[in-house]
């Protein structure tokens, strides 16, 4: 009973750290809708400056579903957070949470959403 209570408290604490995120079916935190919109802007603007504004490649590789389909999400998350040593790809862990990086990775594999105007 105590273990279950402690786990629930820990998950609630994790959710508050990622901006009140909800939980995915696998228990992983999911960024809020507002945060997701901000992440779309970050990817389209910041990542797009190297990976192409359409994410089809440039200085960096293409970030299209075809290119990323066979990558495990955990590997994509690691690259997003820690970068790729010896390449221009920086790590973004100072600005993104693991939940943010996971959401980005999953969206890239599915076909990244376009930025919407408020």
PDB file of N, CA and C in Angstrom:
ATOM      1  N   UNK A   1       0.823  -1.185   0.000  1.00  0.00           N
ATOM      2  CA  UNK A   1       0.000   0.000   0.000  1.00  0.00           C
ATOM      3  C   UNK A   1       0.872   1.257   0.000  1.00  0.00           C
ATOM      4  N   UNK A   2       1.876   1.320   0.876  1.00  0.00           N
ATOM      5  CA  UNK A   2       2.760   2.483   0.924  1.00  0.00           C
ATOM      6  C   UNK A   2       3.532   2.652  -0.372  1.00  0.00           C
ATOM      7  N   UNK A   3       3.965   1.531  -0.948  1.00  0.00           N
ATOM      8  CA  UNK A   3       4.714   1.597  -2.208  1.00  0.00           C
ATOM      9  C   UNK A   3       3.848   2.208  -3.301  1.00  0.00           C
ATOM     10  N   UNK A   4       2.580   1.800  -3.379  1.00  0.00           N
ATOM     11  CA  UNK A   4       1.665   2.346  -4.376  1.00  0.00           C
ATOM     12  C   UNK A   4       1.450   3.833  -4.155  1.00  0.00           C
ATOM     13  N   UNK A   5       1.270   4.233  -2.913  1.00  0.00           N
ATOM     14  CA  UNK A   5       1.073   5.641  -2.587  1.00  0.00           C
ATOM     15  C   UNK A   5       2.312   6.454  -2.964  1.00  0.00           C
ATOM     16  N   UNK A   6       3.484   5.945  -2.655  1.00  0.00           N
ATOM     17  CA  UNK A   6       4.729   6.649  -2.988  1.00  0.00           C
ATOM     18  C   UNK A   6       4.881   6.768  -4.501  1.00  0.00           C
ATOM     19  N   UNK A   7       4.572   5.708  -5.240  1.00  0.00           N
ATOM     20  CA  UNK A   7       4.644   5.764  -6.710  1.00  0.00           C
ATOM     21  C   UNK A   7       3.705   6.819  -7.266  1.00  0.00           C
ATOM     22  N   UNK A   8       2.474   6.861  -6.754  1.00  0.00           N
ATOM     23  CA  UNK A   8       1.510   7.861  -7.232  1.00  0.00           C
ATOM     24  C   UNK A   8       1.999   9.271  -6.938  1.00  0.00           C
ATOM     25  N   UNK A   9       2.571   9.474  -5.760  1.00  0.00           N
ATOM     26  CA  UNK A   9       3.098  10.792  -5.409  1.00  0.00           C
ATOM     27  C   UNK A   9       4.268  11.157  -6.316  1.00  0.00           C
ATOM     28  N   UNK A  10       5.123  10.202  -6.620  1.00  0.00           N
ATOM     29  CA  UNK A  10       6.264  10.459  -7.500  1.00  0.00           C
ATOM     30  C   UNK A  10       5.790  10.823  -8.901  1.00  0.00           C
ATOM     31  N   UNK A  11       4.796  10.094  -9.420  1.00  0.00           N
ATOM     32  CA  UNK A  11       4.265  10.404 -10.748  1.00  0.00           C
ATOM     33  C   UNK A  11       3.619  11.782 -10.766  1.00  0.00           C
ATOM     34  N   UNK A  12       2.913  12.136  -9.715  1.00  0.00           N
ATOM     35  CA  UNK A  12       2.309  13.468  -9.649  1.00  0.00           C
ATOM     36  C   UNK A  12       3.386  14.540  -9.626  1.00  0.00           C
ATOM     37  N   UNK A  13       4.468  14.286  -8.901  1.00  0.00           N
ATOM     38  CA  UNK A  13       5.588  15.224  -8.868  1.00  0.00           C
ATOM     39  C   UNK A  13       6.240  15.369 -10.219  1.00  0.00           C
ATOM     40  N   UNK A  14       6.412  14.256 -10.937  1.00  0.00           N
ATOM     41  CA  UNK A  14       6.994  14.310 -12.283  1.00  0.00           C
ATOM     42  C   UNK A  14       6.096  15.119 -13.206  1.00  0.00           C
ATOM     43  N   UNK A  15       4.804  14.941 -13.098  1.00  0.00           N
ATOM     44  CA  UNK A  15       3.878  15.679 -13.956  1.00  0.00           C
ATOM     45  C   UNK A  15       3.997  17.176 -13.708  1.00  0.00           C
ATOM     46  N   UNK A  16       4.165  17.582 -12.459  1.00  0.00           N
ATOM     47  CA  UNK A  16       4.292  19.009 -12.185  1.00  0.00           C
ATOM     48  C   UNK A  16       5.597  19.567 -12.723  1.00  0.00           C
ATOM     49  N   UNK A  17       6.636  18.757 -12.794  1.00  0.00           N
ATOM     50  CA  UNK A  17       7.915  19.209 -13.334  1.00  0.00           C
ATOM     51  C   UNK A  17       7.848  19.481 -14.826  1.00  0.00           C
ATOM     52  N   UNK A  18       6.974  18.819 -15.540  1.00  0.00           N
ATOM     53  CA  UNK A  18       6.867  19.011 -16.983  1.00  0.00           C
ATOM     54  C   UNK A  18       5.639  19.860 -17.323  1.00  0.00           C
ATOM     55  N   UNK A  19       5.314  20.787 -16.452  1.00  0.00           N
ATOM     56  CA  UNK A  19       4.255  21.730 -16.759  1.00  0.00           C
ATOM     57  C   UNK A  19       2.855  21.169 -16.636  1.00  0.00           C
ATOM     58  N   UNK A  20       2.612  20.303 -15.662  1.00  0.00           N
ATOM     59  CA  UNK A  20       1.283  19.764 -15.474  1.00  0.00           C
ATOM     60  C   UNK A  20       0.895  18.783 -16.558  1.00  0.00           C
ATOM     61  N   UNK A  21       1.863  18.080 -17.068  1.00  0.00           N
ATOM     62  CA  UNK A  21       1.626  17.150 -18.168  1.00  0.00           C
ATOM     63  C   UNK A  21       0.685  16.039 -17.758  1.00  0.00           C
ATOM     64  N   UNK A  22      -0.021  15.526 -18.742  1.00  0.00           N
ATOM     65  CA  UNK A  22      -0.839  14.345 -18.505  1.00  0.00           C
ATOM     66  C   UNK A  22       0.035  13.119 -18.722  1.00  0.00           C
ATOM     67  N   UNK A  23      -0.526  11.957 -18.541  1.00  0.00           N
ATOM     68  CA  UNK A  23       0.240  10.727 -18.697  1.00  0.00           C
ATOM     69  C   UNK A  23      -0.257   9.949 -19.914  1.00  0.00           C
ATOM     70  N   UNK A  24       0.678   9.380 -20.662  1.00  0.00           N
ATOM     71  CA  UNK A  24       0.339   8.514 -21.795  1.00  0.00           C
ATOM     72  C   UNK A  24      -0.106   7.164 -21.255  1.00  0.00           C
ATOM     73  N   UNK A  25      -0.632   6.335 -22.125  1.00  0.00           N
ATOM     74  CA  UNK A  25      -1.115   5.022 -21.702  1.00  0.00           C
ATOM     75  C   UNK A  25      -0.008   4.167 -21.090  1.00  0.00           C
ATOM     76  N   UNK A  26       1.248   4.426 -21.464  1.00  0.00           N
ATOM     77  CA  UNK A  26       2.364   3.671 -20.885  1.00  0.00           C
ATOM     78  C   UNK A  26       2.899   4.313 -19.604  1.00  0.00           C
ATOM     79  N   UNK A  27       2.218   5.368 -19.121  1.00  0.00           N
ATOM     80  CA  UNK A  27       2.618   6.021 -17.884  1.00  0.00           C
ATOM     81  C   UNK A  27       3.633   7.134 -18.070  1.00  0.00           C
ATOM     82  N   UNK A  28       4.098   7.354 -19.289  1.00  0.00           N
ATOM     83  CA  UNK A  28       5.070   8.418 -19.547  1.00  0.00           C
ATOM     84  C   UNK A  28       4.344   9.762 -19.583  1.00  0.00           C
ATOM     85  N   UNK A  29       4.973  10.813 -19.045  1.00  0.00           N
ATOM     86  CA  UNK A  29       4.346  12.134 -19.086  1.00  0.00           C
ATOM     87  C   UNK A  29       4.232  12.658 -20.523  1.00  0.00           C
ATOM     88  N   UNK A  30       3.164  13.381 -20.788  1.00  0.00           N
ATOM     89  CA  UNK A  30       2.914  13.982 -22.096  1.00  0.00           C
ATOM     90  C   UNK A  30       2.786  15.490 -21.879  1.00  0.00           C
ATOM     91  N   UNK A  31       3.497  16.308 -22.670  1.00  0.00           N
ATOM     92  CA  UNK A  31       3.382  17.760 -22.506  1.00  0.00           C
ATOM     93  C   UNK A  31       1.949  18.239 -22.729  1.00  0.00           C
ATOM     94  N   UNK A  32       1.592  19.318 -22.051  1.00  0.00           N
ATOM     95  CA  UNK A  32       0.265  19.909 -22.215  1.00  0.00           C
ATOM     96  C   UNK A  32       0.098  20.417 -23.645  1.00  0.00           C
ATOM     97  N   UNK A  33      -1.125  20.690 -24.029  1.00  0.00           N
ATOM     98  CA  UNK A  33      -1.415  21.199 -25.368  1.00  0.00           C
ATOM     99  C   UNK A  33      -0.668  22.501 -25.627  1.00  0.00           C
ATOM    100  N   UNK A  34      -0.625  23.385 -24.631  1.00  0.00           N
ATOM    101  CA  UNK A  34       0.098  24.654 -24.772  1.00  0.00           C
ATOM    102  C   UNK A  34       1.595  24.396 -24.992  1.00  0.00           C
ATOM    103  N   UNK A  35       2.148  23.481 -24.212  1.00  0.00           N
ATOM    104  CA  UNK A  35       3.569  23.151 -24.363  1.00  0.00           C
ATOM    105  C   UNK A  35       3.830  22.517 -25.724  1.00  0.00           C
ATOM    106  N   UNK A  36       2.928  21.677 -26.189  1.00  0.00           N
ATOM    107  CA  UNK A  36       3.088  21.052 -27.501  1.00  0.00           C
ATOM    108  C   UNK A  36       3.172  22.111 -28.597  1.00  0.00           C
ATOM    109  N   UNK A  37       2.333  23.139 -28.517  1.00  0.00           N
ATOM    110  CA  UNK A  37       2.377  24.222 -29.508  1.00  0.00           C
ATOM    111  C   UNK A  37       3.734  24.919 -29.474  1.00  0.00           C
ATOM    112  N   UNK A  38       4.277  25.117 -28.273  1.00  0.00           N
ATOM    113  CA  UNK A  38       5.605  25.739 -28.150  1.00  0.00           C
ATOM    114  C   UNK A  38       6.681  24.830 -28.718  1.00  0.00           C
ATOM    115  N   UNK A  39       6.548  23.527 -28.510  1.00  0.00           N
ATOM    116  CA  UNK A  39       7.527  22.573 -29.039  1.00  0.00           C
ATOM    117  C   UNK A  39       7.492  22.535 -30.561  1.00  0.00           C
ATOM    118  N   UNK A  40       6.299  22.647 -31.140  1.00  0.00           N
ATOM    119  CA  UNK A  40       6.198  22.694 -32.602  1.00  0.00           C
ATOM    120  C   UNK A  40       6.975  23.902 -33.118  1.00  0.00           C
ATOM    121  N   UNK A  41       6.814  25.028 -32.460  1.00  0.00           N
ATOM    122  CA  UNK A  41       7.541  26.246 -32.873  1.00  0.00           C
ATOM    123  C   UNK A  41       9.046  26.045 -32.741  1.00  0.00           C
ATOM    124  N   UNK A  42       9.496  25.484 -31.627  1.00  0.00           N
ATOM    125  CA  UNK A  42      10.925  25.236 -31.421  1.00  0.00           C
ATOM    126  C   UNK A  42      11.479  24.356 -32.534  1.00  0.00           C
ATOM    127  N   UNK A  43      10.800  23.255 -32.808  1.00  0.00           N
ATOM    128  CA  UNK A  43      11.296  22.331 -33.840  1.00  0.00           C
ATOM    129  C   UNK A  43      11.285  23.015 -35.202  1.00  0.00           C
ATOM    130  N   UNK A  44      10.195  23.648 -35.545  1.00  0.00           N
ATOM    131  CA  UNK A  44      10.081  24.279 -36.866  1.00  0.00           C
ATOM    132  C   UNK A  44      11.109  25.406 -37.035  1.00  0.00           C
ATOM    133  N   UNK A  45      11.357  26.178 -35.992  1.00  0.00           N
ATOM    134  CA  UNK A  45      12.269  27.318 -36.105  1.00  0.00           C
ATOM    135  C   UNK A  45      13.717  26.935 -35.800  1.00  0.00           C
ATOM    136  N   UNK A  46      13.953  26.386 -34.626  1.00  0.00           N
ATOM    137  CA  UNK A  46      15.330  26.107 -34.198  1.00  0.00           C
ATOM    138  C   UNK A  46      15.917  24.882 -34.889  1.00  0.00           C
ATOM    139  N   UNK A  47      15.210  23.788 -34.864  1.00  0.00           N
ATOM    140  CA  UNK A  47      15.711  22.575 -35.529  1.00  0.00           C
ATOM    141  C   UNK A  47      15.709  22.778 -37.038  1.00  0.00           C
ATOM    142  N   UNK A  48      14.680  23.493 -37.525  1.00  0.00           N
ATOM    143  CA  UNK A  48      14.559  23.747 -38.954  1.00  0.00           C
ATOM    144  C   UNK A  48      15.706  24.568 -39.514  1.00  0.00           C
ATOM    145  N   UNK A  49      16.392  25.340 -38.669  1.00  0.00           N
ATOM    146  CA  UNK A  49      17.506  26.136 -39.175  1.00  0.00           C
ATOM    147  C   UNK A  49      18.640  25.246 -39.679  1.00  0.00           C
ATOM    148  N   UNK A  50      18.773  24.037 -39.174  1.00  0.00           N
ATOM    149  CA  UNK A  50      19.792  23.090 -39.656  1.00  0.00           C
ATOM    150  C   UNK A  50      19.183  21.947 -40.468  1.00  0.00           C
ATOM    151  N   UNK A  51      18.024  21.479 -40.058  1.00  0.00           N
ATOM    152  CA  UNK A  51      17.408  20.312 -40.696  1.00  0.00           C
ATOM    153  C   UNK A  51      16.465  20.704 -41.833  1.00  0.00           C
ATOM    154  N   UNK A  52      16.419  21.987 -42.152  1.00  0.00           N
ATOM    155  CA  UNK A  52      15.548  22.484 -43.213  1.00  0.00           C
ATOM    156  C   UNK A  52      14.200  22.887 -42.646  1.00  0.00           C
ATOM    157  N   UNK A  53      13.668  23.974 -43.141  1.00  0.00           N
ATOM    158  CA  UNK A  53      12.395  24.490 -42.616  1.00  0.00           C
ATOM    159  C   UNK A  53      11.242  23.509 -42.811  1.00  0.00           C
ATOM    160  N   UNK A  54      11.376  22.610 -43.776  1.00  0.00           N
ATOM    161  CA  UNK A  54      10.373  21.555 -43.970  1.00  0.00           C
ATOM    162  C   UNK A  54      10.844  20.246 -43.337  1.00  0.00           C
ATOM    163  N   UNK A  55      11.983  20.297 -42.626  1.00  0.00           N
ATOM    164  CA  UNK A  55      12.597  19.153 -41.947  1.00  0.00           C
ATOM    165  C   UNK A  55      13.018  18.057 -42.931  1.00  0.00           C
ATOM    166  N   UNK A  56      13.282  18.467 -44.161  1.00  0.00           N
ATOM    167  CA  UNK A  56      13.674  17.498 -45.191  1.00  0.00           C
ATOM    168  C   UNK A  56      15.183  17.448 -45.402  1.00  0.00           C
ATOM    169  N   UNK A  57      15.933  18.098 -44.536  1.00  0.00           N
ATOM    170  CA  UNK A  57      17.386  18.041 -44.600  1.00  0.00           C
ATOM    171  C   UNK A  57      17.997  19.378 -44.969  1.00  0.00           C
ATOM    172  N   UNK A  58      19.232  19.530 -44.600  1.00  0.00           N
ATOM    173  CA  UNK A  58      20.012  20.741 -44.840  1.00  0.00           C
ATOM    174  C   UNK A  58      21.398  20.437 -44.318  1.00  0.00           C
ATOM    175  N   UNK A  59      21.907  21.266 -43.418  1.00  0.00           N
ATOM    176  CA  UNK A  59      23.153  20.947 -42.726  1.00  0.00           C
ATOM    177  C   UNK A  59      22.978  19.635 -41.964  1.00  0.00           C
ATOM    178  N   UNK A  60      21.827  19.498 -41.327  1.00  0.00           N
ATOM    179  CA  UNK A  60      21.483  18.262 -40.619  1.00  0.00           C
ATOM    180  C   UNK A  60      20.671  17.338 -41.509  1.00  0.00           C
ATOM    181  N   UNK A  61      20.539  16.112 -41.085  1.00  0.00           N
ATOM    182  CA  UNK A  61      19.800  15.111 -41.855  1.00  0.00           C
ATOM    183  C   UNK A  61      18.301  15.420 -41.875  1.00  0.00           C
ATOM    184  N   UNK A  62      17.596  14.781 -42.774  1.00  0.00           N
ATOM    185  CA  UNK A  62      16.133  14.913 -42.837  1.00  0.00           C
ATOM    186  C   UNK A  62      15.514  14.316 -41.575  1.00  0.00           C
ATOM    187  N   UNK A  63      14.463  14.956 -41.097  1.00  0.00           N
ATOM    188  CA  UNK A  63      13.724  14.479 -39.924  1.00  0.00           C
ATOM    189  C   UNK A  63      12.321  14.058 -40.344  1.00  0.00           C
ATOM    190  N   UNK A  64      12.256  13.275 -41.388  1.00  0.00           N
ATOM    191  CA  UNK A  64      10.977  12.818 -41.937  1.00  0.00           C
ATOM    192  C   UNK A  64      10.638  11.427 -41.403  1.00  0.00           C
ATOM    193  N   UNK A  65       9.369  11.062 -41.447  1.00  0.00           N
ATOM    194  CA  UNK A  65       8.984   9.721 -40.997  1.00  0.00           C
ATOM    195  C   UNK A  65       9.765   8.613 -41.709  1.00  0.00           C
ATOM    196  N   UNK A  66       9.991   8.768 -43.016  1.00  0.00           N
ATOM    197  CA  UNK A  66      10.747   7.744 -43.753  1.00  0.00           C
ATOM    198  C   UNK A  66      12.160   7.575 -43.198  1.00  0.00           C
ATOM    199  N   UNK A  67      12.803   8.678 -42.841  1.00  0.00           N
ATOM    200  CA  UNK A  67      14.170   8.620 -42.328  1.00  0.00           C
ATOM    201  C   UNK A  67      14.240   8.091 -40.894  1.00  0.00           C
ATOM    202  N   UNK A  68      13.178   8.326 -40.123  1.00  0.00           N
ATOM    203  CA  UNK A  68      13.221   8.023 -38.685  1.00  0.00           C
ATOM    204  C   UNK A  68      12.412   6.800 -38.283  1.00  0.00           C
ATOM    205  N   UNK A  69      11.722   6.198 -39.225  1.00  0.00           N
ATOM    206  CA  UNK A  69      10.805   5.085 -38.944  1.00  0.00           C
ATOM    207  C   UNK A  69      11.463   3.960 -38.145  1.00  0.00           C
ATOM    208  N   UNK A  70      12.694   3.601 -38.495  1.00  0.00           N
ATOM    209  CA  UNK A  70      13.351   2.449 -37.865  1.00  0.00           C
ATOM    210  C   UNK A  70      14.135   2.795 -36.602  1.00  0.00           C
ATOM    211  N   UNK A  71      14.169   4.066 -36.239  1.00  0.00           N
ATOM    212  CA  UNK A  71      14.880   4.463 -35.025  1.00  0.00           C
ATOM    213  C   UNK A  71      13.992   4.189 -33.800  1.00  0.00           C
ATOM    214  N   UNK A  72      14.530   3.583 -32.760  1.00  0.00           N
ATOM    215  CA  UNK A  72      13.758   3.491 -31.508  1.00  0.00           C
ATOM    216  C   UNK A  72      13.538   4.897 -30.937  1.00  0.00           C
ATOM    217  N   UNK A  73      12.367   5.125 -30.380  1.00  0.00           N
ATOM    218  CA  UNK A  73      12.066   6.429 -29.789  1.00  0.00           C
ATOM    219  C   UNK A  73      13.116   6.794 -28.748  1.00  0.00           C
ATOM    220  N   UNK A  74      13.559   5.828 -27.967  1.00  0.00           N
ATOM    221  CA  UNK A  74      14.564   6.112 -26.933  1.00  0.00           C
ATOM    222  C   UNK A  74      15.868   6.635 -27.532  1.00  0.00           C
ATOM    223  N   UNK A  75      16.236   6.166 -28.715  1.00  0.00           N
ATOM    224  CA  UNK A  75      17.446   6.661 -29.380  1.00  0.00           C
ATOM    225  C   UNK A  75      17.256   8.093 -29.863  1.00  0.00           C
ATOM    226  N   UNK A  76      16.095   8.375 -30.414  1.00  0.00           N
ATOM    227  CA  UNK A  76      15.808   9.743 -30.847  1.00  0.00           C
ATOM    228  C   UNK A  76      15.802  10.698 -29.659  1.00  0.00           C
ATOM    229  N   UNK A  77      15.219  10.270 -28.553  1.00  0.00           N
ATOM    230  CA  UNK A  77      15.195  11.091 -27.345  1.00  0.00           C
ATOM    231  C   UNK A  77      16.633  11.381 -26.893  1.00  0.00           C
ATOM    232  N   UNK A  78      17.479  10.387 -26.908  1.00  0.00           N
ATOM    233  CA  UNK A  78      18.882  10.566 -26.501  1.00  0.00           C
ATOM    234  C   UNK A  78      19.584  11.579 -27.402  1.00  0.00           C
ATOM    235  N   UNK A  79      19.356  11.502 -28.708  1.00  0.00           N
ATOM    236  CA  UNK A  79      19.986  12.459 -29.629  1.00  0.00           C
ATOM    237  C   UNK A  79      19.454  13.866 -29.374  1.00  0.00           C
ATOM    238  N   UNK A  80      18.156  14.008 -29.181  1.00  0.00           N
ATOM    239  CA  UNK A  80      17.564  15.324 -28.924  1.00  0.00           C
ATOM    240  C   UNK A  80      18.145  15.922 -27.642  1.00  0.00           C
ATOM    241  N   UNK A  81      18.227  15.136 -26.602  1.00  0.00           N
ATOM    242  CA  UNK A  81      18.678  15.659 -25.309  1.00  0.00           C
ATOM    243  C   UNK A  81      20.196  15.842 -25.221  1.00  0.00           C
ATOM    244  N   UNK A  82      20.955  14.933 -25.836  1.00  0.00           N
ATOM    245  CA  UNK A  82      22.414  14.943 -25.647  1.00  0.00           C
ATOM    246  C   UNK A  82      23.196  15.309 -26.891  1.00  0.00           C
ATOM    247  N   UNK A  83      22.546  15.449 -28.033  1.00  0.00           N
ATOM    248  CA  UNK A  83      23.235  15.809 -29.262  1.00  0.00           C
ATOM    249  C   UNK A  83      23.999  14.638 -29.844  1.00  0.00           C
ATOM    250  N   UNK A  84      24.829  14.936 -30.844  1.00  0.00           N
ATOM    251  CA  UNK A  84      25.674  13.926 -31.483  1.00  0.00           C
ATOM    252  C   UNK A  84      27.094  14.441 -31.471  1.00  0.00           C
ATOM    253  N   UNK A  85      27.926  13.922 -30.579  1.00  0.00           N
ATOM    254  CA  UNK A  85      29.317  14.386 -30.500  1.00  0.00           C
ATOM    255  C   UNK A  85      30.011  14.285 -31.861  1.00  0.00           C
ATOM    256  N   UNK A  86      30.830  15.277 -32.152  1.00  0.00           N
ATOM    257  CA  UNK A  86      31.565  15.297 -33.408  1.00  0.00           C
ATOM    258  C   UNK A  86      30.758  15.836 -34.576  1.00  0.00           C
ATOM    259  N   UNK A  87      29.521  16.277 -34.305  1.00  0.00           N
ATOM    260  CA  UNK A  87      28.673  16.862 -35.348  1.00  0.00           C
ATOM    261  C   UNK A  87      28.153  18.203 -34.830  1.00  0.00           C
ATOM    262  N   UNK A  88      27.530  18.996 -35.698  1.00  0.00           N
ATOM    263  CA  UNK A  88      26.942  20.261 -35.224  1.00  0.00           C
ATOM    264  C   UNK A  88      25.691  20.088 -34.365  1.00  0.00           C
ATOM    265  N   UNK A  89      25.194  18.842 -34.214  1.00  0.00           N
ATOM    266  CA  UNK A  89      23.954  18.612 -33.454  1.00  0.00           C
ATOM    267  C   UNK A  89      24.198  18.799 -31.968  1.00  0.00           C
ATOM    268  N   UNK A  90      23.602  19.894 -31.387  1.00  0.00           N
ATOM    269  CA  UNK A  90      23.763  20.131 -29.950  1.00  0.00           C
ATOM    270  C   UNK A  90      22.747  19.329 -29.148  1.00  0.00           C
ATOM    271  N   UNK A  91      23.015  19.178 -27.876  1.00  0.00           N
ATOM    272  CA  UNK A  91      22.029  18.620 -26.966  1.00  0.00           C
ATOM    273  C   UNK A  91      21.087  19.727 -26.509  1.00  0.00           C
ATOM    274  N   UNK A  92      19.842  19.381 -26.304  1.00  0.00           N
ATOM    275  CA  UNK A  92      18.828  20.361 -25.915  1.00  0.00           C
ATOM    276  C   UNK A  92      18.322  20.146 -24.491  1.00  0.00           C
ATOM    277  N   UNK A  93      19.054  19.344 -23.698  1.00  0.00           N
ATOM    278  CA  UNK A  93      18.554  19.000 -22.364  1.00  0.00           C
ATOM    279  C   UNK A  93      18.404  20.205 -21.435  1.00  0.00           C
ATOM    280  N   UNK A  94      19.096  21.298 -21.709  1.00  0.00           N
ATOM    281  CA  UNK A  94      18.943  22.487 -20.877  1.00  0.00           C
ATOM    282  C   UNK A  94      17.604  23.179 -21.124  1.00  0.00           C
ATOM    283  N   UNK A  95      16.997  22.909 -22.288  1.00  0.00           N
ATOM    284  CA  UNK A  95      15.753  23.590 -22.647  1.00  0.00           C
ATOM    285  C   UNK A  95      14.550  22.662 -22.758  1.00  0.00           C
ATOM    286  N   UNK A  96      14.797  21.357 -22.861  1.00  0.00           N
ATOM    287  CA  UNK A  96      13.713  20.403 -23.050  1.00  0.00           C
ATOM    288  C   UNK A  96      13.740  19.325 -21.973  1.00  0.00           C
ATOM    289  N   UNK A  97      12.583  18.927 -21.535  1.00  0.00           N
ATOM    290  CA  UNK A  97      12.479  17.809 -20.602  1.00  0.00           C
ATOM    291  C   UNK A  97      12.512  16.505 -21.386  1.00  0.00           C
ATOM    292  N   UNK A  98      12.645  15.406 -20.691  1.00  0.00           N
ATOM    293  CA  UNK A  98      12.589  14.107 -21.359  1.00  0.00           C
ATOM    294  C   UNK A  98      11.218  13.896 -21.995  1.00  0.00           C
ATOM    295  N   UNK A  99      10.158  14.359 -21.320  1.00  0.00           N
ATOM    296  CA  UNK A  99       8.809  14.248 -21.884  1.00  0.00           C
ATOM    297  C   UNK A  99       8.690  15.063 -23.175  1.00  0.00           C
ATOM    298  N   UNK A 100       9.293  16.258 -23.192  1.00  0.00           N
ATOM    299  CA  UNK A 100       9.296  17.071 -24.410  1.00  0.00           C
ATOM    300  C   UNK A 100       9.994  16.328 -25.543  1.00  0.00           C
ATOM    301  N   UNK A 101      11.185  15.805 -25.251  1.00  0.00           N
ATOM    302  CA  UNK A 101      11.978  15.110 -26.270  1.00  0.00           C
ATOM    303  C   UNK A 101      11.251  13.870 -26.776  1.00  0.00           C
ATOM    304  N   UNK A 102      10.594  13.154 -25.883  1.00  0.00           N
ATOM    305  CA  UNK A 102       9.844  11.960 -26.288  1.00  0.00           C
ATOM    306  C   UNK A 102       8.685  12.343 -27.208  1.00  0.00           C
ATOM    307  N   UNK A 103       7.976  13.410 -26.842  1.00  0.00           N
ATOM    308  CA  UNK A 103       6.860  13.864 -27.665  1.00  0.00           C
ATOM    309  C   UNK A 103       7.365  14.281 -29.051  1.00  0.00           C
ATOM    310  N   UNK A 104       8.452  15.037 -29.095  1.00  0.00           N
ATOM    311  CA  UNK A 104       9.040  15.464 -30.372  1.00  0.00           C
ATOM    312  C   UNK A 104       9.415  14.245 -31.208  1.00  0.00           C
ATOM    313  N   UNK A 105      10.097  13.285 -30.600  1.00  0.00           N
ATOM    314  CA  UNK A 105      10.528  12.086 -31.327  1.00  0.00           C
ATOM    315  C   UNK A 105       9.330  11.349 -31.923  1.00  0.00           C
ATOM    316  N   UNK A 106       8.290  11.192 -31.150  1.00  0.00           N
ATOM    317  CA  UNK A 106       7.102  10.479 -31.635  1.00  0.00           C
ATOM    318  C   UNK A 106       6.413  11.253 -32.760  1.00  0.00           C
ATOM    319  N   UNK A 107       6.380  12.580 -32.634  1.00  0.00           N
ATOM    320  CA  UNK A 107       5.774  13.398 -33.682  1.00  0.00           C
ATOM    321  C   UNK A 107       6.603  13.358 -34.964  1.00  0.00           C
ATOM    322  N   UNK A 108       7.925  13.364 -34.829  1.00  0.00           N
ATOM    323  CA  UNK A 108       8.780  13.273 -36.015  1.00  0.00           C
ATOM    324  C   UNK A 108       8.548  11.965 -36.754  1.00  0.00           C
ATOM    325  N   UNK A 109       8.393  10.883 -36.012  1.00  0.00           N
ATOM    326  CA  UNK A 109       8.154   9.594 -36.659  1.00  0.00           C
ATOM    327  C   UNK A 109       6.777   9.538 -37.321  1.00  0.00           C
ATOM    328  N   UNK A 110       5.838  10.286 -36.817  1.00  0.00           N
ATOM    329  CA  UNK A 110       4.481  10.270 -37.355  1.00  0.00           C
ATOM    330  C   UNK A 110       4.278  11.294 -38.483  1.00  0.00           C
ATOM    331  N   UNK A 111       5.155  12.261 -38.576  1.00  0.00           N
ATOM    332  CA  UNK A 111       4.990  13.372 -39.509  1.00  0.00           C
ATOM    333  C   UNK A 111       4.740  14.621 -38.694  1.00  0.00           C
ATOM    334  N   UNK A 112       5.747  15.452 -38.557  1.00  0.00           N
ATOM    335  CA  UNK A 112       5.687  16.564 -37.605  1.00  0.00           C
ATOM    336  C   UNK A 112       4.619  17.576 -37.984  1.00  0.00           C
ATOM    337  N   UNK A 113       3.850  18.034 -36.999  1.00  0.00           N
ATOM    338  CA  UNK A 113       2.769  19.003 -37.279  1.00  0.00           C
ATOM    339  C   UNK A 113       3.332  20.349 -37.750  1.00  0.00           C
ATOM    340  N   UNK A 114       2.520  21.041 -38.509  1.00  0.00           N
ATOM    341  CA  UNK A 114       2.848  22.399 -38.932  1.00  0.00           C
ATOM    342  C   UNK A 114       2.602  23.354 -37.777  1.00  0.00           C
ATOM    343  N   UNK A 115       3.283  24.467 -37.795  1.00  0.00           N
ATOM    344  CA  UNK A 115       3.069  25.500 -36.787  1.00  0.00           C
ATOM    345  C   UNK A 115       1.763  26.206 -37.098  1.00  0.00           C
ATOM    346  N   UNK A 116       0.953  26.438 -36.067  1.00  0.00           N
ATOM    347  CA  UNK A 116      -0.305  27.154 -36.248  1.00  0.00           C
ATOM    348  C   UNK A 116      -0.177  28.545 -35.661  1.00  0.00           C
ATOM    349  N   UNK A 117      -0.853  29.490 -36.255  1.00  0.00           N
ATOM    350  CA  UNK A 117      -0.862  30.865 -35.729  1.00  0.00           C
ATOM    351  C   UNK A 117      -1.961  30.988 -34.700  1.00  0.00           C
ATOM    352  N   UNK A 118      -1.675  31.684 -33.594  1.00  0.00           N
ATOM    353  CA  UNK A 118      -2.696  31.828 -32.534  1.00  0.00           C
ATOM    354  C   UNK A 118      -3.907  32.585 -32.969  1.00  0.00           C
TER     355      UNK A 118
END
